[in-house]
Amino acid sequence: MTLLRTVARPMLASMFIYGGATALKDPGPRAAKAQPTADRIKQLAPQLPVNGSNLTRFNGAAQLAAGLALATGRFPRLAALGLAATLPATTLAGHPYWNETDPGARANQRIHFLKNVSMTGGLLMATLDPDPHKKFIGRRAKDKVAGAAASVHDQIDHLRG
């Protein structure tokens, strides 16, 4: 792993590790913000034990696990994709700045909203980051196609003899 990846991945993951651990330990006010989403899920699947606290803890566990994976370089592209997938719902439920009437609170929520949008962009870019010891998936696919084409040409040349 390059020095840049060694430093950048844990930096990108730090908020998810901290936030995920905090949400698991104490869902607190996040649970209230997650309750409307839990209510919608409960309508679709009444048999599930869904409430704001459980939903917050589930999201926290996902962010903690994926954050640790990204920070340590274990399945970093998959971890980044998983984290990116958790952010839209978290952002919309947690930072609806458009509902704030107080200008200070509105500005604060807008900053957090945009921070999450920015982090989502960084995570999506990280899903494309190739492992330095492994070619990017697009390059590997192109090489396989080129290898198969060369094999076909070799077979044709062999048959022509």
Protein backbone atom coordinates (compact mmCIF):
# COMPACT_ATOMS: atom_id res chain seq x y z
CA MET A 1 0.00 0.00 0.00
CA THR A 2 1.34 3.42 -0.84
CA LEU A 3 1.97 6.05 1.80
CA LEU A 4 -0.94 8.10 0.45
CA ARG A 5 -3.38 5.21 0.86
CA THR A 6 -1.94 4.38 4.28
CA VAL A 7 -2.78 7.88 5.45
CA ALA A 8 -5.87 8.76 3.38
CA ARG A 9 -8.02 5.68 4.00
CA PRO A 10 -8.03 5.99 7.81
CA MET A 11 -8.64 9.73 7.50
CA LEU A 12 -11.67 9.13 5.28
CA ALA A 13 -12.89 6.35 7.56
CA SER A 14 -12.42 8.21 10.86
CA MET A 15 -15.83 9.88 10.97
CA PHE A 16 -17.59 6.59 10.20
CA ILE A 17 -15.68 4.71 12.90
CA TYR A 18 -16.43 7.38 15.50
CA GLY A 19 -20.02 7.98 14.39
CA GLY A 20 -20.76 4.26 14.06
CA ALA A 21 -19.41 3.48 17.54
CA THR A 22 -21.34 6.41 19.02
CA ALA A 23 -24.58 5.33 17.33
CA LEU A 24 -24.18 1.77 18.61
CA LYS A 25 -23.45 2.89 22.14
CA ASP A 26 -26.12 5.58 22.37
CA PRO A 27 -28.58 6.05 19.48
CA GLY A 28 -30.00 9.05 21.38
CA PRO A 29 -31.26 11.91 19.23
CA ARG A 30 -30.39 10.04 16.01
CA ALA A 31 -33.12 7.53 16.86
CA ALA A 32 -35.78 10.21 16.83
CA LYS A 33 -34.60 11.38 13.41
CA ALA A 34 -34.63 7.79 12.13
CA GLN A 35 -38.11 7.02 13.47
CA PRO A 36 -40.05 8.25 10.39
CA THR A 37 -37.94 5.93 8.20
CA ALA A 38 -38.49 3.09 10.68
CA ASP A 39 -42.24 3.72 10.52
CA ARG A 40 -42.18 3.43 6.72
CA ILE A 41 -40.21 0.18 6.90
CA LYS A 42 -42.62 -1.14 9.55
CA GLN A 43 -45.55 -0.52 7.17
CA LEU A 44 -43.82 -2.60 4.49
CA ALA A 45 -42.67 -5.37 6.83
CA PRO A 46 -44.70 -5.35 10.06
CA GLN A 47 -43.01 -8.53 11.33
CA LEU A 48 -39.60 -6.82 11.57
CA PRO A 49 -38.54 -5.33 14.94
CA VAL A 50 -37.87 -1.92 13.42
CA ASN A 51 -37.76 1.29 15.40
CA GLY A 52 -35.58 4.39 15.35
CA SER A 53 -33.10 2.96 17.86
CA ASN A 54 -32.66 -0.33 16.03
CA LEU A 55 -32.32 1.42 12.69
CA THR A 56 -29.74 3.82 14.13
CA ARG A 57 -27.77 0.97 15.68
CA PHE A 58 -27.90 -1.06 12.46
CA ASN A 59 -26.62 1.91 10.46
CA GLY A 60 -23.97 2.55 13.13
CA ALA A 61 -22.80 -1.07 13.00
CA ALA A 62 -22.59 -0.94 9.20
CA GLN A 63 -20.61 2.31 9.31
CA LEU A 64 -18.30 1.05 12.05
CA ALA A 65 -17.56 -2.24 10.26
CA ALA A 66 -17.07 -0.64 6.84
CA GLY A 67 -15.09 2.23 8.37
CA LEU A 68 -12.70 -0.21 10.06
CA ALA A 69 -12.37 -2.19 6.83
CA LEU A 70 -11.57 0.96 4.86
CA ALA A 71 -9.13 2.24 7.48
CA THR A 72 -7.21 -1.03 7.55
CA GLY A 73 -7.29 -1.58 3.79
CA ARG A 74 -9.44 -4.72 3.98
CA PHE A 75 -11.73 -4.77 0.95
CA PRO A 76 -11.32 -0.99 0.66
CA ARG A 77 -13.41 -0.54 -2.49
CA LEU A 78 -16.29 -2.60 -1.12
CA ALA A 79 -16.02 -0.81 2.24
CA ALA A 80 -16.09 2.59 0.51
CA LEU A 81 -19.13 1.55 -1.52
CA GLY A 82 -20.91 0.32 1.62
CA LEU A 83 -20.20 3.60 3.41
CA ALA A 84 -21.36 5.61 0.40
CA ALA A 85 -24.59 3.61 0.40
CA THR A 86 -25.31 4.53 4.05
CA LEU A 87 -24.91 8.27 3.58
CA PRO A 88 -27.92 9.41 1.51
CA ALA A 89 -30.50 8.27 4.07
CA THR A 90 -28.34 9.47 6.96
CA THR A 91 -27.88 12.84 5.31
CA LEU A 92 -31.53 13.38 4.43
CA ALA A 93 -32.81 12.27 7.83
CA GLY A 94 -30.08 13.87 9.91
CA HIS A 95 -29.52 17.21 8.24
CA PRO A 96 -32.73 18.58 6.66
CA TYR A 97 -31.52 22.18 6.65
CA TRP A 98 -34.48 23.23 4.51
CA ASN A 99 -36.79 22.63 7.51
CA GLU A 100 -34.83 24.92 9.84
CA THR A 101 -36.26 28.35 10.55
CA ASP A 102 -33.40 29.68 12.69
CA PRO A 103 -30.69 31.05 10.34
CA GLY A 104 -27.85 29.77 12.55
CA ALA A 105 -29.29 26.26 12.83
CA ARG A 106 -30.06 26.27 9.10
CA ALA A 107 -26.46 27.21 8.24
CA ASN A 108 -25.12 24.54 10.62
CA GLN A 109 -27.34 21.82 9.15
CA ARG A 110 -26.43 22.91 5.60
CA ILE A 111 -22.73 22.57 6.44
CA HIS A 112 -23.28 19.02 7.78
CA PHE A 113 -25.45 18.16 4.78
CA LEU A 114 -22.76 19.33 2.35
CA LYS A 115 -20.03 17.61 4.38
CA ASN A 116 -21.89 14.33 3.93
CA VAL A 117 -22.35 15.00 0.21
CA SER A 118 -18.61 15.67 -0.04
CA MET A 119 -17.76 12.52 1.90
CA THR A 120 -20.04 10.52 -0.41
CA GLY A 121 -18.10 11.87 -3.38
CA GLY A 122 -14.79 10.93 -1.77
CA LEU A 123 -16.07 7.44 -0.99
CA LEU A 124 -17.32 6.95 -4.55
CA MET A 125 -13.88 7.97 -5.81
CA ALA A 126 -12.33 5.48 -3.37
CA THR A 127 -14.40 2.69 -4.92
CA LEU A 128 -12.35 3.23 -8.09
CA ASP A 129 -8.98 3.31 -6.31
CA PRO A 130 -7.00 0.35 -7.58
CA ASP A 131 -4.97 -1.75 -5.22
CA PRO A 132 -1.32 -1.03 -6.02
CA HIS A 133 -0.68 -4.77 -6.29
CA LYS A 134 -3.71 -5.45 -8.43
CA LYS A 135 -4.82 -3.90 -11.67
CA PHE A 136 -8.08 -1.97 -11.75
CA ILE A 137 -11.01 -4.25 -12.66
CA GLY A 138 -11.54 -2.50 -16.01
CA ARG A 139 -7.89 -3.09 -16.93
CA ARG A 140 -8.09 -6.75 -15.84
CA ALA A 141 -11.19 -7.26 -18.00
CA LYS A 142 -9.55 -5.60 -20.98
CA ASP A 143 -6.43 -7.78 -20.54
CA LYS A 144 -8.60 -10.93 -20.39
CA VAL A 145 -10.38 -9.96 -23.60
CA ALA A 146 -7.04 -9.23 -25.28
CA GLY A 147 -5.67 -12.57 -24.05
CA ALA A 148 -8.72 -14.44 -25.33
CA ALA A 149 -8.46 -12.72 -28.70
CA ALA A 150 -4.78 -13.61 -28.93
CA SER A 151 -5.62 -17.22 -28.06
CA VAL A 152 -8.25 -17.34 -30.82
CA HIS A 153 -5.77 -15.88 -33.33
CA ASP A 154 -3.17 -18.47 -32.25
CA GLN A 155 -5.71 -21.25 -32.76
CA ILE A 156 -6.62 -19.93 -36.19
CA ASP A 157 -2.92 -19.67 -37.14
CA HIS A 158 -2.38 -23.23 -35.87
CA LEU A 159 -5.32 -24.55 -37.94
CA ARG A 160 -4.04 -22.79 -41.05
CA GLY A 161 -0.78 -24.46 -40.31
